[in-house]
Amino acid sequence: MSEYRERKTGEVKTQGEWRAAFPNMSLPKVWNSNVCDAMNIDAVFASPAATTSAYQTSVRDGVEQDSKGNWVEKYVAKDMFADTTVDGKTTTKAEHEKAYQATLDATTATNHRNTRNEKLIETDWTAMSDVTMADDMKTYRQALRDWPTHNSCRNLEDSDWPTKP
């Protein structure tokens, strides 16, 4: 969505909103600098989101001029949590962050557990009574069952999983 900033007031509107503001002006589909000058507006360019920490989010905070004089979207890092008081009980920012992290950890653990279960299911046929399971398959399946004791179970990468024989 293209946005433009009025030079006098600083008001930012989409191209559609500017078209509606100038109903009697015939405007081309593509706006160049001549169109912007006639309407006394400047294009607003996209910019990257703000750098955030684990418990922050990037939010749009208007527009600003960059070092080249172009108008660009402005983003700022905003804390996800703050101290809150509900029915006289105060919950600190740190408590909110801890609860949020616990939820993320539980979700990650569930996803890893599901992956582990899928890997076990893929090899269940080797544990049938009419199949002699090879020692390397026994080791592989045991390593999968031992997964919860992995040192970095929250941050598993593909290389952390046991190699299927």
N, C-alpha and C. Protein backbone atom coordinates (compact mmCIF):
# COMPACT_ATOMS: atom_id res chain seq x y z
N MET A 1 0.85 -1.17 0.00
CA MET A 1 0.00 0.00 0.00
C MET A 1 0.90 1.23 0.00
N SER A 2 0.72 2.07 -0.98
CA SER A 2 1.51 3.29 -1.10
C SER A 2 0.96 4.36 -0.17
N GLU A 3 1.88 5.02 0.51
CA GLU A 3 1.50 6.12 1.39
C GLU A 3 2.23 7.38 0.96
N TYR A 4 1.58 8.52 1.26
CA TYR A 4 2.15 9.81 0.90
C TYR A 4 1.93 10.78 2.05
N ARG A 5 2.87 11.70 2.23
CA ARG A 5 2.84 12.66 3.34
C ARG A 5 2.64 14.06 2.78
N GLU A 6 1.65 14.77 3.31
CA GLU A 6 1.43 16.16 2.88
C GLU A 6 2.55 17.03 3.44
N ARG A 7 3.10 17.86 2.61
CA ARG A 7 4.27 18.66 2.99
C ARG A 7 3.96 19.71 4.04
N LYS A 8 2.77 20.30 4.02
CA LYS A 8 2.44 21.37 4.97
C LYS A 8 2.08 20.82 6.34
N THR A 9 1.18 19.86 6.40
CA THR A 9 0.64 19.39 7.68
C THR A 9 1.34 18.15 8.22
N GLY A 10 2.00 17.40 7.34
CA GLY A 10 2.63 16.15 7.78
C GLY A 10 1.67 14.98 7.81
N GLU A 11 0.43 15.20 7.37
CA GLU A 11 -0.58 14.15 7.38
C GLU A 11 -0.20 13.06 6.38
N VAL A 12 -0.33 11.81 6.81
CA VAL A 12 -0.01 10.66 5.96
C VAL A 12 -1.29 9.94 5.60
N LYS A 13 -1.45 9.69 4.28
CA LYS A 13 -2.61 8.97 3.78
C LYS A 13 -2.17 8.00 2.71
N THR A 14 -3.03 7.01 2.47
CA THR A 14 -2.76 6.08 1.38
C THR A 14 -3.07 6.77 0.05
N GLN A 15 -2.62 6.14 -1.04
CA GLN A 15 -2.89 6.69 -2.36
C GLN A 15 -4.40 6.80 -2.59
N GLY A 16 -5.15 5.80 -2.15
CA GLY A 16 -6.60 5.84 -2.31
C GLY A 16 -7.23 6.99 -1.54
N GLU A 17 -6.73 7.24 -0.33
CA GLU A 17 -7.26 8.35 0.47
C GLU A 17 -6.93 9.70 -0.17
N TRP A 18 -5.74 9.82 -0.78
CA TRP A 18 -5.39 11.07 -1.46
C TRP A 18 -6.24 11.25 -2.71
N ARG A 19 -6.52 10.15 -3.42
CA ARG A 19 -7.39 10.25 -4.60
C ARG A 19 -8.78 10.77 -4.17
N ALA A 20 -9.28 10.25 -3.06
CA ALA A 20 -10.59 10.69 -2.57
C ALA A 20 -10.56 12.16 -2.14
N ALA A 21 -9.40 12.62 -1.66
CA ALA A 21 -9.28 14.02 -1.22
C ALA A 21 -9.22 14.98 -2.41
N PHE A 22 -8.88 14.48 -3.57
CA PHE A 22 -8.80 15.30 -4.78
C PHE A 22 -9.75 14.72 -5.85
N PRO A 23 -11.06 14.74 -5.58
CA PRO A 23 -12.01 14.09 -6.48
C PRO A 23 -12.10 14.73 -7.87
N ASN A 24 -11.75 15.99 -7.98
CA ASN A 24 -11.88 16.69 -9.27
C ASN A 24 -10.57 16.71 -10.05
N MET A 25 -9.55 16.02 -9.54
CA MET A 25 -8.26 15.99 -10.22
C MET A 25 -8.09 14.63 -10.90
N SER A 26 -7.75 14.65 -12.17
CA SER A 26 -7.50 13.42 -12.90
C SER A 26 -6.07 12.97 -12.56
N LEU A 27 -5.96 11.78 -11.96
CA LEU A 27 -4.65 11.31 -11.51
C LEU A 27 -4.27 10.02 -12.24
N PRO A 28 -3.01 9.90 -12.62
CA PRO A 28 -2.57 8.67 -13.29
C PRO A 28 -2.49 7.51 -12.31
N LYS A 29 -2.38 6.29 -12.85
CA LYS A 29 -2.25 5.12 -11.97
C LYS A 29 -0.94 5.15 -11.21
N VAL A 30 0.13 5.49 -11.90
CA VAL A 30 1.46 5.54 -11.29
C VAL A 30 1.81 6.99 -11.02
N TRP A 31 2.16 7.27 -9.78
CA TRP A 31 2.49 8.64 -9.40
C TRP A 31 3.99 8.83 -9.45
N ASN A 32 4.42 9.89 -10.15
CA ASN A 32 5.84 10.24 -10.18
C ASN A 32 6.03 11.55 -9.41
N SER A 33 7.23 12.10 -9.48
CA SER A 33 7.51 13.32 -8.71
C SER A 33 6.67 14.50 -9.18
N ASN A 34 6.28 14.55 -10.47
CA ASN A 34 5.45 15.65 -10.96
C ASN A 34 4.07 15.62 -10.30
N VAL A 35 3.50 14.43 -10.18
CA VAL A 35 2.19 14.29 -9.54
C VAL A 35 2.29 14.69 -8.07
N CYS A 36 3.35 14.23 -7.40
CA CYS A 36 3.54 14.56 -5.99
C CYS A 36 3.70 16.07 -5.79
N ASP A 37 4.45 16.71 -6.67
CA ASP A 37 4.64 18.16 -6.57
C ASP A 37 3.31 18.89 -6.78
N ALA A 38 2.49 18.43 -7.74
CA ALA A 38 1.20 19.07 -8.00
C ALA A 38 0.27 18.95 -6.80
N MET A 39 0.39 17.84 -6.07
CA MET A 39 -0.48 17.61 -4.91
C MET A 39 0.17 18.07 -3.61
N ASN A 40 1.43 18.52 -3.68
CA ASN A 40 2.19 18.99 -2.51
C ASN A 40 2.35 17.87 -1.47
N ILE A 41 2.72 16.68 -1.96
CA ILE A 41 2.93 15.53 -1.09
C ILE A 41 4.26 14.87 -1.43
N ASP A 42 4.74 14.02 -0.53
CA ASP A 42 5.96 13.24 -0.73
C ASP A 42 5.63 11.77 -0.50
N ALA A 43 6.27 10.92 -1.28
CA ALA A 43 6.09 9.47 -1.10
C ALA A 43 6.71 9.05 0.22
N VAL A 44 6.10 8.07 0.86
CA VAL A 44 6.65 7.46 2.08
C VAL A 44 7.13 6.07 1.70
N PHE A 45 8.41 5.82 1.94
CA PHE A 45 9.02 4.55 1.56
C PHE A 45 9.01 3.57 2.72
N ALA A 46 8.98 2.30 2.38
CA ALA A 46 9.03 1.25 3.40
C ALA A 46 10.40 1.25 4.07
N SER A 47 10.43 0.84 5.32
CA SER A 47 11.70 0.73 6.04
C SER A 47 11.64 -0.52 6.91
N PRO A 48 12.81 -0.99 7.34
CA PRO A 48 12.81 -2.22 8.15
C PRO A 48 12.22 -1.98 9.54
N ALA A 49 11.75 -3.07 10.12
CA ALA A 49 11.22 -3.02 11.48
C ALA A 49 12.34 -2.70 12.46
N ALA A 50 11.99 -2.23 13.63
CA ALA A 50 12.97 -1.91 14.66
C ALA A 50 13.60 -3.20 15.20
N THR A 51 14.82 -3.10 15.64
CA THR A 51 15.49 -4.23 16.27
C THR A 51 14.89 -4.41 17.66
N THR A 52 14.53 -5.65 17.98
CA THR A 52 13.86 -5.91 19.24
C THR A 52 14.60 -6.96 20.05
N SER A 53 14.31 -7.01 21.33
CA SER A 53 14.83 -8.05 22.20
C SER A 53 13.74 -9.12 22.35
N ALA A 54 14.00 -10.10 23.19
CA ALA A 54 13.09 -11.25 23.32
C ALA A 54 11.67 -10.86 23.73
N TYR A 55 11.52 -9.84 24.52
CA TYR A 55 10.19 -9.48 25.02
C TYR A 55 9.75 -8.11 24.51
N GLN A 56 10.11 -7.82 23.28
CA GLN A 56 9.70 -6.58 22.63
C GLN A 56 9.11 -6.91 21.27
N THR A 57 8.37 -5.95 20.75
CA THR A 57 7.82 -6.07 19.41
C THR A 57 8.07 -4.77 18.67
N SER A 58 8.15 -4.82 17.37
CA SER A 58 8.36 -3.63 16.56
C SER A 58 7.00 -3.07 16.17
N VAL A 59 6.78 -1.78 16.43
CA VAL A 59 5.50 -1.15 16.10
C VAL A 59 5.73 0.10 15.26
N ARG A 60 4.80 0.37 14.38
CA ARG A 60 4.88 1.55 13.53
C ARG A 60 4.61 2.78 14.37
N ASP A 61 5.44 3.82 14.18
CA ASP A 61 5.31 5.06 14.94
C ASP A 61 5.41 6.25 14.00
N GLY A 62 4.55 6.28 12.99
CA GLY A 62 4.53 7.40 12.06
C GLY A 62 5.59 7.30 10.98
N VAL A 63 6.06 8.47 10.54
CA VAL A 63 7.09 8.55 9.51
C VAL A 63 8.18 9.49 9.96
N GLU A 64 9.35 9.37 9.32
CA GLU A 64 10.46 10.26 9.62
C GLU A 64 11.32 10.40 8.37
N GLN A 65 12.16 11.42 8.35
CA GLN A 65 13.06 11.60 7.22
C GLN A 65 14.33 10.82 7.48
N ASP A 66 14.82 10.15 6.42
CA ASP A 66 16.08 9.43 6.55
C ASP A 66 17.23 10.37 6.23
N SER A 67 18.45 9.85 6.22
CA SER A 67 19.64 10.68 6.00
C SER A 67 19.68 11.29 4.60
N LYS A 68 18.91 10.75 3.66
CA LYS A 68 18.88 11.26 2.29
C LYS A 68 17.72 12.23 2.06
N GLY A 69 16.95 12.50 3.10
CA GLY A 69 15.82 13.41 2.98
C GLY A 69 14.53 12.76 2.54
N ASN A 70 14.52 11.44 2.37
CA ASN A 70 13.30 10.72 2.00
C ASN A 70 12.45 10.49 3.24
N TRP A 71 11.14 10.46 3.02
CA TRP A 71 10.23 10.12 4.10
C TRP A 71 10.08 8.61 4.12
N VAL A 72 10.28 8.01 5.31
CA VAL A 72 10.22 6.56 5.47
C VAL A 72 9.36 6.21 6.69
N GLU A 73 8.85 4.97 6.69
CA GLU A 73 8.10 4.49 7.85
C GLU A 73 9.02 4.47 9.06
N LYS A 74 8.50 4.87 10.21
CA LYS A 74 9.28 4.85 11.44
C LYS A 74 8.76 3.71 12.32
N TYR A 75 9.69 2.88 12.78
CA TYR A 75 9.35 1.78 13.69
C TYR A 75 10.14 1.93 14.98
N VAL A 76 9.51 1.56 16.08
CA VAL A 76 10.18 1.59 17.38
C VAL A 76 9.97 0.25 18.08
N ALA A 77 10.90 -0.09 18.94
CA ALA A 77 10.78 -1.31 19.75
C ALA A 77 9.91 -0.97 20.96
N LYS A 78 8.91 -1.80 21.20
CA LYS A 78 7.99 -1.57 22.32
C LYS A 78 7.97 -2.82 23.18
N ASP A 79 8.04 -2.64 24.49
CA ASP A 79 7.96 -3.77 25.41
C ASP A 79 6.62 -4.47 25.24
N MET A 80 6.64 -5.79 25.27
CA MET A 80 5.42 -6.56 25.15
C MET A 80 4.63 -6.54 26.46
N PHE A 81 5.33 -6.34 27.57
CA PHE A 81 4.69 -6.46 28.87
C PHE A 81 5.00 -5.23 29.73
N ALA A 82 4.13 -5.00 30.70
CA ALA A 82 4.31 -3.94 31.68
C ALA A 82 3.68 -4.42 32.98
N ASP A 83 3.98 -3.74 34.07
CA ASP A 83 3.33 -4.05 35.33
C ASP A 83 1.83 -3.79 35.17
N THR A 84 1.02 -4.69 35.70
CA THR A 84 -0.43 -4.52 35.63
C THR A 84 -1.04 -4.76 37.00
N THR A 85 -2.17 -4.14 37.22
CA THR A 85 -2.92 -4.36 38.46
C THR A 85 -4.36 -4.68 38.09
N VAL A 86 -4.80 -5.86 38.53
CA VAL A 86 -6.18 -6.29 38.28
C VAL A 86 -6.78 -6.70 39.62
N ASP A 87 -7.88 -6.10 39.97
CA ASP A 87 -8.56 -6.38 41.24
C ASP A 87 -7.61 -6.26 42.43
N GLY A 88 -6.75 -5.25 42.39
CA GLY A 88 -5.85 -5.00 43.50
C GLY A 88 -4.59 -5.86 43.53
N LYS A 89 -4.47 -6.80 42.59
CA LYS A 89 -3.29 -7.67 42.54
C LYS A 89 -2.37 -7.18 41.43
N THR A 90 -1.13 -6.85 41.79
CA THR A 90 -0.16 -6.36 40.82
C THR A 90 0.69 -7.52 40.31
N THR A 91 0.82 -7.58 38.99
CA THR A 91 1.70 -8.54 38.35
C THR A 91 2.81 -7.74 37.68
N THR A 92 4.05 -8.07 38.01
CA THR A 92 5.17 -7.31 37.48
C THR A 92 5.47 -7.69 36.03
N LYS A 93 6.21 -6.82 35.37
CA LYS A 93 6.65 -7.07 34.01
C LYS A 93 7.45 -8.37 33.96
N ALA A 94 8.32 -8.58 34.93
CA ALA A 94 9.14 -9.79 34.98
C ALA A 94 8.27 -11.05 35.11
N GLU A 95 7.20 -10.97 35.89
CA GLU A 95 6.30 -12.11 36.03
C GLU A 95 5.57 -12.41 34.72
N HIS A 96 5.16 -11.36 34.01
CA HIS A 96 4.52 -11.54 32.71
C HIS A 96 5.50 -12.21 31.74
N GLU A 97 6.75 -11.73 31.73
CA GLU A 97 7.77 -12.29 30.84
C GLU A 97 8.04 -13.76 31.16
N LYS A 98 8.10 -14.07 32.45
CA LYS A 98 8.35 -15.46 32.87
C LYS A 98 7.20 -16.37 32.42
N ALA A 99 5.97 -15.92 32.57
CA ALA A 99 4.81 -16.71 32.16
C ALA A 99 4.79 -16.89 30.64
N TYR A 100 5.13 -15.82 29.92
CA TYR A 100 5.18 -15.89 28.46
C TYR A 100 6.25 -16.88 28.01
N GLN A 101 7.43 -16.81 28.64
CA GLN A 101 8.52 -17.72 28.28
C GLN A 101 8.13 -19.16 28.61
N ALA A 102 7.44 -19.37 29.70
CA ALA A 102 7.00 -20.72 30.06
C ALA A 102 6.04 -21.27 29.00
N THR A 103 5.18 -20.42 28.48
CA THR A 103 4.26 -20.84 27.42
C THR A 103 5.03 -21.18 26.14
N LEU A 104 6.01 -20.34 25.79
CA LEU A 104 6.83 -20.63 24.61
C LEU A 104 7.59 -21.94 24.78
N ASP A 105 8.16 -22.14 25.97
CA ASP A 105 8.91 -23.38 26.25
C ASP A 105 8.02 -24.60 26.15
N ALA A 106 6.81 -24.50 26.68
CA ALA A 106 5.87 -25.63 26.64
C ALA A 106 5.48 -25.94 25.19
N THR A 107 5.25 -24.92 24.40
CA THR A 107 4.91 -25.13 22.99
C THR A 107 6.06 -25.77 22.24
N THR A 108 7.27 -25.29 22.50
CA THR A 108 8.47 -25.86 21.85
C THR A 108 8.63 -27.32 22.26
N ALA A 109 8.47 -27.60 23.53
CA ALA A 109 8.61 -28.98 24.01
C ALA A 109 7.57 -29.89 23.36
N THR A 110 6.34 -29.41 23.23
CA THR A 110 5.29 -30.19 22.58
C THR A 110 5.64 -30.46 21.12
N ASN A 111 6.12 -29.45 20.43
CA ASN A 111 6.50 -29.63 19.03
C ASN A 111 7.63 -30.64 18.89
N HIS A 112 8.64 -30.54 19.77
CA HIS A 112 9.75 -31.49 19.73
C HIS A 112 9.27 -32.91 20.09
N ARG A 113 8.38 -33.00 21.05
CA ARG A 113 7.84 -34.30 21.43
C ARG A 113 7.09 -34.93 20.25
N ASN A 114 6.32 -34.11 19.53
CA ASN A 114 5.61 -34.61 18.36
C ASN A 114 6.58 -35.08 17.28
N THR A 115 7.66 -34.33 17.08
CA THR A 115 8.69 -34.73 16.10
C THR A 115 9.31 -36.06 16.53
N ARG A 116 9.63 -36.16 17.81
CA ARG A 116 10.22 -37.40 18.33
C ARG A 116 9.26 -38.57 18.12
N ASN A 117 7.99 -38.36 18.42
CA ASN A 117 7.00 -39.43 18.25
C ASN A 117 6.88 -39.85 16.78
N GLU A 118 6.92 -38.88 15.87
CA GLU A 118 6.86 -39.19 14.44
C GLU A 118 8.08 -40.03 14.03
N LYS A 119 9.25 -39.67 14.56
CA LYS A 119 10.47 -40.43 14.23
C LYS A 119 10.37 -41.86 14.78
N LEU A 120 9.79 -42.02 15.95
CA LEU A 120 9.59 -43.37 16.49
C LEU A 120 8.59 -44.15 15.66
N ILE A 121 7.50 -43.49 15.27
CA ILE A 121 6.47 -44.17 14.46
C ILE A 121 7.05 -44.64 13.13
N GLU A 122 7.95 -43.82 12.55
CA GLU A 122 8.57 -44.21 11.28
C GLU A 122 9.34 -45.52 11.39
N THR A 123 9.81 -45.84 12.59
CA THR A 123 10.62 -47.06 12.76
C THR A 123 9.90 -48.13 13.56
N ASP A 124 8.63 -47.93 13.86
CA ASP A 124 7.88 -48.94 14.63
C ASP A 124 7.87 -50.30 13.94
N TRP A 125 7.89 -50.31 12.64
CA TRP A 125 7.85 -51.58 11.92
C TRP A 125 9.05 -52.46 12.28
N THR A 126 10.15 -51.83 12.70
CA THR A 126 11.35 -52.62 13.05
C THR A 126 11.20 -53.31 14.40
N ALA A 127 10.17 -52.93 15.16
CA ALA A 127 9.96 -53.51 16.49
C ALA A 127 8.85 -54.57 16.48
N MET A 128 8.40 -54.94 15.31
CA MET A 128 7.35 -55.96 15.22
C MET A 128 7.94 -57.33 15.57
N SER A 129 7.10 -58.22 16.02
CA SER A 129 7.55 -59.52 16.51
C SER A 129 8.20 -60.39 15.42
N ASP A 130 7.85 -60.15 14.16
CA ASP A 130 8.43 -60.98 13.10
C ASP A 130 9.67 -60.35 12.45
N VAL A 131 10.20 -59.26 13.07
CA VAL A 131 11.39 -58.58 12.55
C VAL A 131 12.46 -58.58 13.64
N THR A 132 13.68 -58.89 13.25
CA THR A 132 14.80 -58.81 14.19
C THR A 132 15.38 -57.41 14.08
N MET A 133 15.30 -56.66 15.18
CA MET A 133 15.77 -55.28 15.16
C MET A 133 17.29 -55.24 15.25
N ALA A 134 17.90 -54.47 14.35
CA ALA A 134 19.35 -54.31 14.36
C ALA A 134 19.77 -53.47 15.57
N ASP A 135 21.01 -53.68 16.02
CA ASP A 135 21.50 -52.96 17.20
C ASP A 135 21.52 -51.44 16.98
N ASP A 136 21.90 -51.00 15.77
CA ASP A 136 21.92 -49.56 15.53
C ASP A 136 20.52 -48.96 15.57
N MET A 137 19.51 -49.75 15.18
CA MET A 137 18.12 -49.28 15.26
C MET A 137 17.68 -49.22 16.72
N LYS A 138 18.10 -50.21 17.52
CA LYS A 138 17.78 -50.18 18.95
C LYS A 138 18.38 -48.93 19.60
N THR A 139 19.63 -48.62 19.24
CA THR A 139 20.31 -47.45 19.78
C THR A 139 19.59 -46.17 19.37
N TYR A 140 19.21 -46.10 18.11
CA TYR A 140 18.50 -44.93 17.58
C TYR A 140 17.17 -44.72 18.30
N ARG A 141 16.39 -45.77 18.42
CA ARG A 141 15.09 -45.65 19.08
C ARG A 141 15.23 -45.31 20.56
N GLN A 142 16.26 -45.85 21.22
CA GLN A 142 16.49 -45.53 22.63
C GLN A 142 16.88 -44.06 22.76
N ALA A 143 17.70 -43.56 21.83
CA ALA A 143 18.09 -42.15 21.88
C ALA A 143 16.87 -41.25 21.72
N LEU A 144 15.93 -41.65 20.87
CA LEU A 144 14.70 -40.87 20.71
C LEU A 144 13.87 -40.90 21.99
N ARG A 145 13.79 -42.06 22.63
CA ARG A 145 13.03 -42.16 23.88
C ARG A 145 13.70 -41.35 25.01
N ASP A 146 15.03 -41.20 24.92
CA ASP A 146 15.77 -40.44 25.93
C ASP A 146 15.76 -38.94 25.64
N TRP A 147 15.08 -38.53 24.60
CA TRP A 147 15.09 -37.12 24.17
C TRP A 147 14.84 -36.12 25.30
N PRO A 148 13.89 -36.34 26.21
CA PRO A 148 13.63 -35.33 27.24
C PRO A 148 14.84 -34.98 28.10
N THR A 149 15.86 -35.81 28.11
CA THR A 149 17.04 -35.52 28.92
C THR A 149 18.09 -34.74 28.13
N HIS A 150 17.80 -34.40 26.87
CA HIS A 150 18.75 -33.66 26.03
C HIS A 150 19.06 -32.32 26.68
N ASN A 151 20.32 -31.93 26.67
CA ASN A 151 20.76 -30.70 27.35
C ASN A 151 20.10 -29.44 26.80
N SER A 152 19.87 -29.39 25.51
CA SER A 152 19.30 -28.17 24.92
C SER A 152 17.97 -28.47 24.25
N CYS A 153 17.10 -29.17 24.95
CA CYS A 153 15.85 -29.59 24.32
C CYS A 153 14.99 -28.42 23.85
N ARG A 154 15.17 -27.22 24.42
CA ARG A 154 14.40 -26.06 23.96
C ARG A 154 14.91 -25.55 22.62
N ASN A 155 16.21 -25.73 22.35
CA ASN A 155 16.80 -25.15 21.15
C ASN A 155 17.36 -26.21 20.23
N LEU A 156 16.62 -27.27 20.04
CA LEU A 156 17.09 -28.36 19.18
C LEU A 156 17.19 -27.91 17.73
N GLU A 157 18.24 -28.39 17.08
CA GLU A 157 18.39 -28.20 15.65
C GLU A 157 18.37 -29.58 15.02
N ASP A 158 18.27 -29.63 13.70
CA ASP A 158 18.21 -30.92 13.01
C ASP A 158 19.41 -31.80 13.37
N SER A 159 20.57 -31.18 13.53
CA SER A 159 21.78 -31.95 13.83
C SER A 159 21.78 -32.53 15.26
N ASP A 160 20.90 -32.03 16.12
CA ASP A 160 20.83 -32.52 17.50
C ASP A 160 20.07 -33.85 17.62
N TRP A 161 19.24 -34.14 16.62
CA TRP A 161 18.47 -35.38 16.66
C TRP A 161 19.39 -36.55 16.33
N PRO A 162 19.14 -37.73 16.91
CA PRO A 162 19.95 -38.90 16.56
C PRO A 162 19.79 -39.21 15.06
N THR A 163 20.85 -39.75 14.49
CA THR A 163 20.83 -40.09 13.07
C THR A 163 20.17 -41.44 12.86
N LYS A 164 19.21 -41.46 11.96
CA LYS A 164 18.48 -42.69 11.67
C LYS A 164 19.40 -43.62 10.87
N PRO A 165 19.50 -44.87 11.32
CA PRO A 165 20.39 -45.80 10.60
C PRO A 165 19.81 -46.18 9.25
